[in-house]
Amino acid sequence: SLNYADIRKYYASNFEGNRYNYTLENVRVEKR
């Protein structure tokens, strides 16, 4: 549903004044 402009707008608002810890686990990579 979201395109580049929507994503930029959402994350700009989300990041404003907030900080997060982002964790990524069990990463799997598949070359297509």
PDB file of all heavy atoms in Angstrom:
ATOM      1  N   SER A   1       0.784  -1.230   0.000  1.00  0.00           N
ATOM      2  CA  SER A   1       0.000   0.000   0.000  1.00  0.00           C
ATOM      3  C   SER A   1       0.818   1.283   0.000  1.00  0.00           C
ATOM      4  O   SER A   1       0.424   2.249  -0.632  1.00  0.00           O
ATOM      5  CB  SER A   1      -0.973   0.008   1.184  1.00  0.00           C
ATOM      6  OG  SER A   1      -0.258  -0.050   2.400  1.00  0.00           O
ATOM      7  N   LEU A   2       1.919   1.336   0.711  1.00  0.00           N
ATOM      8  CA  LEU A   2       2.671   2.579   0.835  1.00  0.00           C
ATOM      9  C   LEU A   2       3.738   2.690  -0.247  1.00  0.00           C
ATOM     10  O   LEU A   2       4.449   1.728  -0.531  1.00  0.00           O
ATOM     11  CB  LEU A   2       3.346   2.666   2.202  1.00  0.00           C
ATOM     12  CG  LEU A   2       2.431   2.631   3.422  1.00  0.00           C
ATOM     13  CD1 LEU A   2       3.256   2.672   4.693  1.00  0.00           C
ATOM     14  CD2 LEU A   2       1.425   3.762   3.391  1.00  0.00           C
ATOM     15  N   ASN A   3       3.866   3.879  -0.828  1.00  0.00           N
ATOM     16  CA  ASN A   3       4.917   4.129  -1.806  1.00  0.00           C
ATOM     17  C   ASN A   3       6.030   4.949  -1.147  1.00  0.00           C
ATOM     18  O   ASN A   3       5.979   5.248   0.047  1.00  0.00           O
ATOM     19  CB  ASN A   3       4.355   4.814  -3.052  1.00  0.00           C
ATOM     20  CG  ASN A   3       3.780   6.184  -2.754  1.00  0.00           C
ATOM     21  OD1 ASN A   3       4.206   6.870  -1.824  1.00  0.00           O
ATOM     22  ND2 ASN A   3       2.803   6.598  -3.533  1.00  0.00           N
ATOM     23  N   TYR A   4       7.001   5.337  -1.925  1.00  0.00           N
ATOM     24  CA  TYR A   4       8.180   6.054  -1.409  1.00  0.00           C
ATOM     25  C   TYR A   4       7.795   7.305  -0.625  1.00  0.00           C
ATOM     26  O   TYR A   4       8.262   7.510   0.501  1.00  0.00           O
ATOM     27  CB  TYR A   4       9.100   6.401  -2.575  1.00  0.00           C
ATOM     28  CG  TYR A   4      10.362   7.131  -2.171  1.00  0.00           C
ATOM     29  CD1 TYR A   4      11.478   6.423  -1.746  1.00  0.00           C
ATOM     30  CD2 TYR A   4      10.436   8.514  -2.221  1.00  0.00           C
ATOM     31  CE1 TYR A   4      12.638   7.074  -1.374  1.00  0.00           C
ATOM     32  CE2 TYR A   4      11.596   9.178  -1.846  1.00  0.00           C
ATOM     33  CZ  TYR A   4      12.691   8.461  -1.425  1.00  0.00           C
ATOM     34  OH  TYR A   4      13.836   9.111  -1.048  1.00  0.00           O
ATOM     35  N   ALA A   5       6.927   8.138  -1.181  1.00  0.00           N
ATOM     36  CA  ALA A   5       6.531   9.380  -0.503  1.00  0.00           C
ATOM     37  C   ALA A   5       5.816   9.088   0.809  1.00  0.00           C
ATOM     38  O   ALA A   5       6.052   9.761   1.821  1.00  0.00           O
ATOM     39  CB  ALA A   5       5.653  10.231  -1.421  1.00  0.00           C
ATOM     40  N   ASP A   6       4.941   8.084   0.807  1.00  0.00           N
ATOM     41  CA  ASP A   6       4.224   7.704   2.030  1.00  0.00           C
ATOM     42  C   ASP A   6       5.194   7.217   3.098  1.00  0.00           C
ATOM     43  O   ASP A   6       5.070   7.557   4.275  1.00  0.00           O
ATOM     44  CB  ASP A   6       3.220   6.580   1.750  1.00  0.00           C
ATOM     45  CG  ASP A   6       2.119   6.966   0.777  1.00  0.00           C
ATOM     46  OD1 ASP A   6       1.733   8.147   0.733  1.00  0.00           O
ATOM     47  OD2 ASP A   6       1.652   6.052   0.064  1.00  0.00           O
ATOM     48  N   ILE A   7       6.142   6.394   2.680  1.00  0.00           N
ATOM     49  CA  ILE A   7       7.126   5.843   3.614  1.00  0.00           C
ATOM     50  C   ILE A   7       7.969   6.959   4.217  1.00  0.00           C
ATOM     51  O   ILE A   7       8.184   7.005   5.431  1.00  0.00           O
ATOM     52  CB  ILE A   7       8.018   4.798   2.903  1.00  0.00           C
ATOM     53  CG1 ILE A   7       7.164   3.570   2.537  1.00  0.00           C
ATOM     54  CG2 ILE A   7       9.216   4.403   3.753  1.00  0.00           C
ATOM     55  CD1 ILE A   7       7.844   2.616   1.578  1.00  0.00           C
ATOM     56  N   ARG A   8       8.438   7.863   3.383  1.00  0.00           N
ATOM     57  CA  ARG A   8       9.248   8.990   3.880  1.00  0.00           C
ATOM     58  C   ARG A   8       8.462   9.827   4.880  1.00  0.00           C
ATOM     59  O   ARG A   8       8.972  10.174   5.948  1.00  0.00           O
ATOM     60  CB  ARG A   8       9.733   9.844   2.713  1.00  0.00           C
ATOM     61  CG  ARG A   8      10.711  10.923   3.175  1.00  0.00           C
ATOM     62  CD  ARG A   8      11.267  11.691   2.034  1.00  0.00           C
ATOM     63  NE  ARG A   8      10.194  12.499   1.467  1.00  0.00           N
ATOM     64  CZ  ARG A   8      10.187  12.990   0.245  1.00  0.00           C
ATOM     65  NH1 ARG A   8      11.184  12.743  -0.563  1.00  0.00           N
ATOM     66  NH2 ARG A   8       9.200  13.719  -0.183  1.00  0.00           N
ATOM     67  N   LYS A   9       7.222  10.110   4.566  1.00  0.00           N
ATOM     68  CA  LYS A   9       6.379  10.909   5.460  1.00  0.00           C
ATOM     69  C   LYS A   9       6.152  10.182   6.791  1.00  0.00           C
ATOM     70  O   LYS A   9       6.271  10.781   7.861  1.00  0.00           O
ATOM     71  CB  LYS A   9       5.045  11.203   4.774  1.00  0.00           C
ATOM     72  CG  LYS A   9       4.120  12.057   5.585  1.00  0.00           C
ATOM     73  CD  LYS A   9       2.840  12.332   4.815  1.00  0.00           C
ATOM     74  CE  LYS A   9       1.863  13.138   5.654  1.00  0.00           C
ATOM     75  NZ  LYS A   9       0.602  13.358   4.966  1.00  0.00           N
ATOM     76  N   TYR A  10       5.833   8.899   6.720  1.00  0.00           N
ATOM     77  CA  TYR A  10       5.579   8.127   7.932  1.00  0.00           C
ATOM     78  C   TYR A  10       6.809   8.091   8.832  1.00  0.00           C
ATOM     79  O   TYR A  10       6.727   8.363  10.029  1.00  0.00           O
ATOM     80  CB  TYR A  10       5.133   6.697   7.600  1.00  0.00           C
ATOM     81  CG  TYR A  10       5.092   5.837   8.841  1.00  0.00           C
ATOM     82  CD1 TYR A  10       4.029   5.936   9.725  1.00  0.00           C
ATOM     83  CD2 TYR A  10       6.149   4.973   9.148  1.00  0.00           C
ATOM     84  CE1 TYR A  10       4.008   5.183  10.899  1.00  0.00           C
ATOM     85  CE2 TYR A  10       6.131   4.221  10.314  1.00  0.00           C
ATOM     86  CZ  TYR A  10       5.063   4.330  11.182  1.00  0.00           C
ATOM     87  OH  TYR A  10       5.059   3.593  12.334  1.00  0.00           O
ATOM     88  N   TYR A  11       7.964   7.714   8.272  1.00  0.00           N
ATOM     89  CA  TYR A  11       9.157   7.579   9.102  1.00  0.00           C
ATOM     90  C   TYR A  11       9.674   8.917   9.602  1.00  0.00           C
ATOM     91  O   TYR A  11      10.202   8.994  10.716  1.00  0.00           O
ATOM     92  CB  TYR A  11      10.241   6.768   8.390  1.00  0.00           C
ATOM     93  CG  TYR A  11       9.923   5.295   8.385  1.00  0.00           C
ATOM     94  CD1 TYR A  11       9.461   4.671   7.242  1.00  0.00           C
ATOM     95  CD2 TYR A  11      10.048   4.528   9.542  1.00  0.00           C
ATOM     96  CE1 TYR A  11       9.140   3.321   7.241  1.00  0.00           C
ATOM     97  CE2 TYR A  11       9.736   3.182   9.553  1.00  0.00           C
ATOM     98  CZ  TYR A  11       9.272   2.585   8.401  1.00  0.00           C
ATOM     99  OH  TYR A  11       8.949   1.252   8.406  1.00  0.00           O
ATOM    100  N   ALA A  12       9.529   9.980   8.841  1.00  0.00           N
ATOM    101  CA  ALA A  12       9.930  11.307   9.332  1.00  0.00           C
ATOM    102  C   ALA A  12       9.127  11.650  10.573  1.00  0.00           C
ATOM    103  O   ALA A  12       9.672  12.141  11.574  1.00  0.00           O
ATOM    104  CB  ALA A  12       9.730  12.354   8.241  1.00  0.00           C
ATOM    105  N   SER A  13       7.840  11.378  10.545  1.00  0.00           N
ATOM    106  CA  SER A  13       6.976  11.629  11.701  1.00  0.00           C
ATOM    107  C   SER A  13       7.317  10.684  12.848  1.00  0.00           C
ATOM    108  O   SER A  13       7.391  11.085  14.014  1.00  0.00           O
ATOM    109  CB  SER A  13       5.515  11.458  11.284  1.00  0.00           C
ATOM    110  OG  SER A  13       4.680  11.543  12.404  1.00  0.00           O
ATOM    111  N   ASN A  14       7.539   9.427  12.528  1.00  0.00           N
ATOM    112  CA  ASN A  14       7.841   8.412  13.535  1.00  0.00           C
ATOM    113  C   ASN A  14       9.164   8.705  14.251  1.00  0.00           C
ATOM    114  O   ASN A  14       9.269   8.529  15.460  1.00  0.00           O
ATOM    115  CB  ASN A  14       7.897   7.034  12.875  1.00  0.00           C
ATOM    116  CG  ASN A  14       8.065   5.918  13.859  1.00  0.00           C
ATOM    117  OD1 ASN A  14       7.346   5.826  14.842  1.00  0.00           O
ATOM    118  ND2 ASN A  14       9.024   5.049  13.600  1.00  0.00           N
ATOM    119  N   PHE A  15      10.166   9.150  13.519  1.00  0.00           N
ATOM    120  CA  PHE A  15      11.483   9.399  14.092  1.00  0.00           C
ATOM    121  C   PHE A  15      11.529  10.699  14.895  1.00  0.00           C
ATOM    122  O   PHE A  15      12.384  10.852  15.759  1.00  0.00           O
ATOM    123  CB  PHE A  15      12.548   9.470  12.997  1.00  0.00           C
ATOM    124  CG  PHE A  15      12.864   8.150  12.347  1.00  0.00           C
ATOM    125  CD1 PHE A  15      13.549   8.125  11.150  1.00  0.00           C
ATOM    126  CD2 PHE A  15      12.491   6.942  12.903  1.00  0.00           C
ATOM    127  CE1 PHE A  15      13.864   6.921  10.527  1.00  0.00           C
ATOM    128  CE2 PHE A  15      12.794   5.736  12.291  1.00  0.00           C
ATOM    129  CZ  PHE A  15      13.489   5.727  11.101  1.00  0.00           C
ATOM    130  N   GLU A  16      10.646  11.626  14.612  1.00  0.00           N
ATOM    131  CA  GLU A  16      10.688  12.943  15.242  1.00  0.00           C
ATOM    132  C   GLU A  16      10.552  12.821  16.762  1.00  0.00           C
ATOM    133  O   GLU A  16       9.510  12.467  17.293  1.00  0.00           O
ATOM    134  CB  GLU A  16       9.568  13.831  14.695  1.00  0.00           C
ATOM    135  CG  GLU A  16       9.721  15.281  15.092  1.00  0.00           C
ATOM    136  CD  GLU A  16       8.709  16.146  14.371  1.00  0.00           C
ATOM    137  OE1 GLU A  16       8.725  16.150  13.131  1.00  0.00           O
ATOM    138  OE2 GLU A  16       7.902  16.780  15.062  1.00  0.00           O
ATOM    139  N   GLY A  17      11.648  13.116  17.445  1.00  0.00           N
ATOM    140  CA  GLY A  17      11.647  13.103  18.902  1.00  0.00           C
ATOM    141  C   GLY A  17      11.661  11.711  19.519  1.00  0.00           C
ATOM    142  O   GLY A  17      11.580  11.585  20.738  1.00  0.00           O
ATOM    143  N   ASN A  18      11.752  10.674  18.728  1.00  0.00           N
ATOM    144  CA  ASN A  18      11.742   9.307  19.248  1.00  0.00           C
ATOM    145  C   ASN A  18      13.029   8.581  18.863  1.00  0.00           C
ATOM    146  O   ASN A  18      13.584   8.827  17.812  1.00  0.00           O
ATOM    147  CB  ASN A  18      10.564   8.509  18.673  1.00  0.00           C
ATOM    148  CG  ASN A  18       9.240   9.086  19.085  1.00  0.00           C
ATOM    149  OD1 ASN A  18       8.981   9.300  20.256  1.00  0.00           O
ATOM    150  ND2 ASN A  18       8.398   9.349  18.103  1.00  0.00           N
ATOM    151  N   ARG A  19      13.432   7.659  19.714  1.00  0.00           N
ATOM    152  CA  ARG A  19      14.553   6.781  19.402  1.00  0.00           C
ATOM    153  C   ARG A  19      14.118   5.361  19.724  1.00  0.00           C
ATOM    154  O   ARG A  19      13.359   5.123  20.663  1.00  0.00           O
ATOM    155  CB  ARG A  19      15.805   7.132  20.217  1.00  0.00           C
ATOM    156  CG  ARG A  19      16.438   8.455  19.812  1.00  0.00           C
ATOM    157  CD  ARG A  19      16.893   8.431  18.349  1.00  0.00           C
ATOM    158  NE  ARG A  19      17.238   9.725  17.875  1.00  0.00           N
ATOM    159  CZ  ARG A  19      16.446  10.533  17.177  1.00  0.00           C
ATOM    160  NH1 ARG A  19      15.216  10.183  16.889  1.00  0.00           N
ATOM    161  NH2 ARG A  19      16.842  11.705  16.767  1.00  0.00           N
ATOM    162  N   TYR A  20      14.622   4.437  18.932  1.00  0.00           N
ATOM    163  CA  TYR A  20      14.223   3.045  19.055  1.00  0.00           C
ATOM    164  C   TYR A  20      15.436   2.138  19.043  1.00  0.00           C
ATOM    165  O   TYR A  20      16.466   2.470  18.465  1.00  0.00           O
ATOM    166  CB  TYR A  20      13.323   2.638  17.879  1.00  0.00           C
ATOM    167  CG  TYR A  20      12.075   3.471  17.768  1.00  0.00           C
ATOM    168  CD1 TYR A  20      12.024   4.573  16.925  1.00  0.00           C
ATOM    169  CD2 TYR A  20      10.950   3.161  18.525  1.00  0.00           C
ATOM    170  CE1 TYR A  20      10.879   5.336  16.828  1.00  0.00           C
ATOM    171  CE2 TYR A  20       9.793   3.930  18.428  1.00  0.00           C
ATOM    172  CZ  TYR A  20       9.757   5.005  17.576  1.00  0.00           C
ATOM    173  OH  TYR A  20       8.634   5.771  17.491  1.00  0.00           O
ATOM    174  N   ASN A  21      15.283   0.980  19.662  1.00  0.00           N
ATOM    175  CA  ASN A  21      16.229  -0.125  19.493  1.00  0.00           C
ATOM    176  C   ASN A  21      15.600  -1.060  18.475  1.00  0.00           C
ATOM    177  O   ASN A  21      14.445  -1.461  18.638  1.00  0.00           O
ATOM    178  CB  ASN A  21      16.465  -0.881  20.796  1.00  0.00           C
ATOM    179  CG  ASN A  21      17.278  -0.092  21.780  1.00  0.00           C
ATOM    180  OD1 ASN A  21      18.135   0.700  21.395  1.00  0.00           O
ATOM    181  ND2 ASN A  21      17.016  -0.284  23.049  1.00  0.00           N
ATOM    182  N   TYR A  22      16.336  -1.390  17.417  1.00  0.00           N
ATOM    183  CA  TYR A  22      15.840  -2.242  16.349  1.00  0.00           C
ATOM    184  C   TYR A  22      16.681  -3.505  16.343  1.00  0.00           C
ATOM    185  O   TYR A  22      17.901  -3.441  16.213  1.00  0.00           O
ATOM    186  CB  TYR A  22      15.957  -1.528  15.003  1.00  0.00           C
ATOM    187  CG  TYR A  22      15.255  -2.247  13.880  1.00  0.00           C
ATOM    188  CD1 TYR A  22      13.970  -1.869  13.505  1.00  0.00           C
ATOM    189  CD2 TYR A  22      15.856  -3.298  13.210  1.00  0.00           C
ATOM    190  CE1 TYR A  22      13.310  -2.524  12.476  1.00  0.00           C
ATOM    191  CE2 TYR A  22      15.205  -3.961  12.192  1.00  0.00           C
ATOM    192  CZ  TYR A  22      13.932  -3.573  11.826  1.00  0.00           C
ATOM    193  OH  TYR A  22      13.271  -4.222  10.830  1.00  0.00           O
ATOM    194  N   THR A  23      16.028  -4.647  16.515  1.00  0.00           N
ATOM    195  CA  THR A  23      16.720  -5.927  16.539  1.00  0.00           C
ATOM    196  C   THR A  23      16.210  -6.800  15.403  1.00  0.00           C
ATOM    197  O   THR A  23      15.005  -6.874  15.170  1.00  0.00           O
ATOM    198  CB  THR A  23      16.475  -6.646  17.883  1.00  0.00           C
ATOM    199  OG1 THR A  23      16.868  -5.787  18.943  1.00  0.00           O
ATOM    200  CG2 THR A  23      17.253  -7.946  17.954  1.00  0.00           C
ATOM    201  N   LEU A  24      17.124  -7.444  14.722  1.00  0.00           N
ATOM    202  CA  LEU A  24      16.790  -8.358  13.633  1.00  0.00           C
ATOM    203  C   LEU A  24      17.487  -9.686  13.919  1.00  0.00           C
ATOM    204  O   LEU A  24      18.697  -9.722  14.154  1.00  0.00           O
ATOM    205  CB  LEU A  24      17.264  -7.772  12.304  1.00  0.00           C
ATOM    206  CG  LEU A  24      16.836  -8.469  11.037  1.00  0.00           C
ATOM    207  CD1 LEU A  24      15.311  -8.498  10.916  1.00  0.00           C
ATOM    208  CD2 LEU A  24      17.433  -7.760   9.832  1.00  0.00           C
ATOM    209  N   GLU A  25      16.705 -10.778  13.925  1.00  0.00           N
ATOM    210  CA  GLU A  25      17.246 -12.099  14.226  1.00  0.00           C
ATOM    211  C   GLU A  25      16.797 -13.104  13.177  1.00  0.00           C
ATOM    212  O   GLU A  25      15.834 -12.859  12.443  1.00  0.00           O
ATOM    213  CB  GLU A  25      16.770 -12.569  15.600  1.00  0.00           C
ATOM    214  CG  GLU A  25      17.240 -11.679  16.734  1.00  0.00           C
ATOM    215  CD  GLU A  25      16.679 -12.101  18.078  1.00  0.00           C
ATOM    216  OE1 GLU A  25      15.512 -12.545  18.135  1.00  0.00           O
ATOM    217  OE2 GLU A  25      17.414 -11.989  19.064  1.00  0.00           O
ATOM    218  N   ASN A  26      17.465 -14.249  13.167  1.00  0.00           N
ATOM    219  CA  ASN A  26      17.118 -15.354  12.256  1.00  0.00           C
ATOM    220  C   ASN A  26      17.047 -14.890  10.803  1.00  0.00           C
ATOM    221  O   ASN A  26      16.110 -15.218  10.074  1.00  0.00           O
ATOM    222  CB  ASN A  26      15.801 -16.012  12.669  1.00  0.00           C
ATOM    223  CG  ASN A  26      15.833 -16.541  14.080  1.00  0.00           C
ATOM    224  OD1 ASN A  26      16.832 -17.098  14.510  1.00  0.00           O
ATOM    225  ND2 ASN A  26      14.758 -16.349  14.810  1.00  0.00           N
ATOM    226  N   VAL A  27      18.044 -14.136  10.391  1.00  0.00           N
ATOM    227  CA  VAL A  27      18.071 -13.578   9.038  1.00  0.00           C
ATOM    228  C   VAL A  27      18.410 -14.673   8.033  1.00  0.00           C
ATOM    229  O   VAL A  27      19.341 -15.461   8.224  1.00  0.00           O
ATOM    230  CB  VAL A  27      19.107 -12.435   8.945  1.00  0.00           C
ATOM    231  CG1 VAL A  27      19.216 -11.918   7.520  1.00  0.00           C
ATOM    232  CG2 VAL A  27      18.729 -11.315   9.902  1.00  0.00           C
ATOM    233  N   ARG A  28      17.622 -14.704   6.962  1.00  0.00           N
ATOM    234  CA  ARG A  28      17.844 -15.643   5.871  1.00  0.00           C
ATOM    235  C   ARG A  28      17.917 -14.851   4.578  1.00  0.00           C
ATOM    236  O   ARG A  28      17.115 -13.946   4.351  1.00  0.00           O
ATOM    237  CB  ARG A  28      16.705 -16.669   5.823  1.00  0.00           C
ATOM    238  CG  ARG A  28      16.696 -17.526   7.077  1.00  0.00           C
ATOM    239  CD  ARG A  28      15.413 -18.256   7.381  1.00  0.00           C
ATOM    240  NE  ARG A  28      14.132 -17.603   7.264  1.00  0.00           N
ATOM    241  CZ  ARG A  28      13.566 -16.808   8.179  1.00  0.00           C
ATOM    242  NH1 ARG A  28      14.222 -16.480   9.271  1.00  0.00           N
ATOM    243  NH2 ARG A  28      12.365 -16.309   8.003  1.00  0.00           N
ATOM    244  N   VAL A  29      18.877 -15.186   3.735  1.00  0.00           N
ATOM    245  CA  VAL A  29      19.094 -14.478   2.472  1.00  0.00           C
ATOM    246  C   VAL A  29      18.923 -15.469   1.334  1.00  0.00           C
ATOM    247  O   VAL A  29      19.486 -16.568   1.373  1.00  0.00           O
ATOM    248  CB  VAL A  29      20.512 -13.859   2.427  1.00  0.00           C
ATOM    249  CG1 VAL A  29      20.765 -13.182   1.089  1.00  0.00           C
ATOM    250  CG2 VAL A  29      20.712 -12.894   3.580  1.00  0.00           C
ATOM    251  N   GLU A  30      18.155 -15.061   0.332  1.00  0.00           N
ATOM    252  CA  GLU A  30      17.917 -15.907  -0.841  1.00  0.00           C
ATOM    253  C   GLU A  30      18.143 -15.075  -2.101  1.00  0.00           C
ATOM    254  O   GLU A  30      17.496 -14.051  -2.291  1.00  0.00           O
ATOM    255  CB  GLU A  30      16.479 -16.413  -0.817  1.00  0.00           C
ATOM    256  CG  GLU A  30      16.085 -17.238  -2.008  1.00  0.00           C
ATOM    257  CD  GLU A  30      14.595 -17.575  -1.987  1.00  0.00           C
ATOM    258  OE1 GLU A  30      13.965 -17.544  -0.914  1.00  0.00           O
ATOM    259  OE2 GLU A  30      14.068 -17.856  -3.080  1.00  0.00           O
ATOM    260  N   LYS A  31      19.062 -15.523  -2.929  1.00  0.00           N
ATOM    261  CA  LYS A  31      19.335 -14.837  -4.201  1.00  0.00           C
ATOM    262  C   LYS A  31      18.352 -15.325  -5.241  1.00  0.00           C
ATOM    263  O   LYS A  31      18.194 -16.523  -5.450  1.00  0.00           O
ATOM    264  CB  LYS A  31      20.776 -15.121  -4.644  1.00  0.00           C
ATOM    265  CG  LYS A  31      21.132 -14.561  -6.007  1.00  0.00           C
ATOM    266  CD  LYS A  31      21.237 -13.051  -5.972  1.00  0.00           C
ATOM    267  CE  LYS A  31      21.771 -12.519  -7.278  1.00  0.00           C
ATOM    268  NZ  LYS A  31      20.851 -11.657  -7.981  1.00  0.00           N
ATOM    269  N   ARG A  32      17.656 -14.384  -5.848  1.00  0.00           N
ATOM    270  CA  ARG A  32      16.760 -14.717  -6.951  1.00  0.00           C
ATOM    271  C   ARG A  32      17.315 -14.068  -8.207  1.00  0.00           C
ATOM    272  O   ARG A  32      18.243 -13.272  -8.156  1.00  0.00           O
ATOM    273  CB  ARG A  32      15.346 -14.206  -6.668  1.00  0.00           C
ATOM    274  CG  ARG A  32      14.722 -14.928  -5.485  1.00  0.00           C
ATOM    275  CD  ARG A  32      13.242 -14.937  -5.549  1.00  0.00           C
ATOM    276  NE  ARG A  32      12.682 -15.683  -4.435  1.00  0.00           N
ATOM    277  CZ  ARG A  32      11.530 -15.412  -3.899  1.00  0.00           C
ATOM    278  NH1 ARG A  32      10.790 -14.427  -4.375  1.00  0.00           N
ATOM    279  NH2 ARG A  32      11.075 -16.134  -2.906  1.00  0.00           N
TER     280      ARG A  32
END
